[in-house]
Structures are given as C-alpha cells and as structure tokens.
Amino acid sequence: MSRPELVSLLADGREGETHHVNGEITLGRDKSCDVRVKVPSISRQHAKIHIDENGKLCYTHLSSVNPSIINGNVVRENAILKNGDLLHMGDALFQIRIPGILLFLIDYMKEF
C-alpha cells in the first residue's frame, strides 16, 4: 500500500533517507523519535506528522524554542502538508511526498 513519505534532502541536493508515515511519526533529536535528526538546532521532541481521520497529512510543531519552516513560512503550531512541501527544521531539510493514488483518494473523499 502506498503511504506518504518524508524524504531527507542532503546539502548537495541528493536524497537521503525515506521515512514512511504509518499513522504517526515523531521527529527530533531524542532516541525515542521515529525520525532521529542529530542536529543541535532541532529540539528533542520537535514535531510529529500524522494522518488525521479525514486522510489529511498533518504537521504538529512540538518545540517551544526551535521553529519549523514549511515552504518558507514559519510554523509554530499545526499545518496541513501537501505533496512536494519542503520542511526545514534547523539545518535539516525534508520533502513531503504523497503517492498519486493517495492524492486521488483524498480528493475523492472530499465529495462525501
């Protein structure tokens, strides 16, 4: 089954690790995080990404100190993520990828 992905983008433009979003993932420096980012400018529990009851991919900012930036906009609470969105957390950069079949289903479910 296709799942949304969080793809790490490296400084040289190459892709790094790909993380699949199964329900909910946490991001941060802490060892307990699903996506561990070892960058000092990222909080221990920086953010979480989850799929809500309507099938939308949601971003929840957990840090009270370090901001996140989605597509150039500072996010200090919640946001809906879309295919191709760029997420900056400190010096780390990620891209959101939502496979085509999921995009179709999300649009289809809006009709009901």
Protein backbone atom coordinates (compact mmCIF):
# COMPACT_ATOMS: atom_id res chain seq x y z
CA MET A 1 0.00 0.00 0.00
CA SER A 2 1.23 3.49 -0.84
CA ARG A 3 1.99 5.73 2.12
CA PRO A 4 3.06 9.34 2.47
CA GLU A 5 6.81 9.76 2.70
CA LEU A 6 9.19 12.15 4.42
CA VAL A 7 12.37 12.31 2.32
CA SER A 8 15.59 13.76 3.73
CA LEU A 9 17.32 16.14 1.29
CA LEU A 10 21.09 16.44 1.64
CA ALA A 11 23.09 19.66 1.31
CA ASP A 12 24.48 18.54 -2.07
CA GLY A 13 20.95 18.07 -3.47
CA ARG A 14 20.86 14.28 -3.23
CA GLU A 15 18.13 12.40 -1.44
CA GLY A 16 18.89 10.81 1.90
CA GLU A 17 16.68 8.51 3.93
CA THR A 18 12.99 7.99 3.18
CA HIS A 19 10.60 7.59 6.11
CA HIS A 20 7.08 6.23 5.58
CA VAL A 21 4.22 7.76 7.55
CA ASN A 22 2.18 4.94 9.07
CA GLY A 23 -0.34 6.68 11.26
CA GLU A 24 2.08 8.93 13.15
CA ILE A 25 5.82 9.62 13.25
CA THR A 26 7.79 11.83 15.62
CA LEU A 27 10.81 13.92 14.61
CA GLY A 28 13.59 15.22 16.83
CA ARG A 29 16.97 14.58 18.47
CA ASP A 30 15.67 12.19 21.12
CA LYS A 31 16.41 8.47 20.77
CA SER A 32 12.69 7.74 21.12
CA CYS A 33 11.82 9.67 17.92
CA ASP A 34 10.84 7.71 14.82
CA VAL A 35 12.94 10.09 12.70
CA ARG A 36 16.02 11.00 14.69
CA VAL A 37 17.78 14.14 13.47
CA LYS A 38 21.12 14.74 15.17
CA VAL A 39 21.25 18.50 14.66
CA PRO A 40 21.64 20.88 17.66
CA SER A 41 19.09 23.35 16.24
CA ILE A 42 16.35 20.72 16.47
CA SER A 43 14.51 20.04 19.72
CA ARG A 44 14.49 16.63 21.37
CA GLN A 45 10.79 16.29 20.50
CA HIS A 46 10.50 18.75 17.61
CA ALA A 47 7.39 17.69 15.68
CA LYS A 48 5.04 14.92 14.70
CA ILE A 49 3.42 14.07 11.39
CA HIS A 50 0.23 12.06 11.31
CA ILE A 51 -2.70 11.17 9.08
CA ASP A 52 -5.94 12.57 10.50
CA GLU A 53 -9.41 10.99 10.41
CA ASN A 54 -10.11 12.68 7.05
CA GLY A 55 -6.96 11.28 5.45
CA LYS A 56 -5.03 14.58 5.54
CA LEU A 57 -1.34 14.62 6.36
CA CYS A 58 -0.90 16.90 9.39
CA TYR A 59 2.17 18.51 10.93
CA THR A 60 2.20 19.36 14.64
CA HIS A 61 5.03 21.54 15.92
CA LEU A 62 6.07 20.44 19.42
CA SER A 63 9.07 22.68 20.13
CA SER A 64 8.65 25.80 22.24
CA VAL A 65 12.07 27.12 21.21
CA ASN A 66 13.10 26.00 17.72
CA PRO A 67 10.81 26.90 14.81
CA SER A 68 9.96 24.85 11.75
CA ILE A 69 9.57 26.29 8.28
CA ILE A 70 7.23 24.83 5.66
CA ASN A 71 7.62 26.28 2.16
CA GLY A 72 9.25 29.40 3.60
CA ASN A 73 6.57 30.02 6.26
CA VAL A 74 7.34 29.70 9.97
CA VAL A 75 5.08 27.15 11.65
CA ARG A 76 4.75 27.19 15.43
CA GLU A 77 1.63 25.05 15.79
CA ASN A 78 -0.15 22.92 13.17
CA ALA A 79 -0.23 22.71 9.39
CA ILE A 80 -1.67 20.50 6.65
CA LEU A 81 1.07 19.02 4.49
CA LYS A 82 0.78 18.63 0.72
CA ASN A 83 2.74 16.72 -1.88
CA GLY A 84 6.05 18.46 -2.58
CA ASP A 85 6.08 20.61 0.56
CA LEU A 86 9.55 21.46 1.89
CA LEU A 87 10.05 21.20 5.64
CA HIS A 88 13.05 22.92 7.29
CA MET A 89 13.84 22.01 10.87
CA GLY A 90 17.06 23.68 11.93
CA ASP A 91 19.70 22.67 9.40
CA ALA A 92 17.69 19.64 8.23
CA LEU A 93 15.57 19.69 5.07
CA PHE A 94 12.83 17.25 4.14
CA GLN A 95 10.35 16.93 1.29
CA ILE A 96 6.84 15.54 1.65
CA ARG A 97 5.79 13.02 -0.98
CA ILE A 98 2.28 11.67 -1.27
CA PRO A 99 1.89 8.92 -3.88
CA GLY A 100 -0.62 9.60 -6.68
CA ILE A 101 -3.22 7.03 -5.57
CA LEU A 102 -3.42 8.69 -2.14
CA LEU A 103 -3.91 12.10 -3.73
CA PHE A 104 -6.76 10.65 -5.78
CA LEU A 105 -8.42 9.10 -2.71
CA ILE A 106 -8.09 12.28 -0.66
CA ASP A 107 -9.74 14.30 -3.46
CA TYR A 108 -12.43 11.62 -3.91
CA MET A 109 -13.31 11.62 -0.20
CA LYS A 110 -13.85 15.41 -0.26
CA GLU A 111 -17.04 14.71 -2.23
CA PHE A 112 -18.64 12.96 0.77
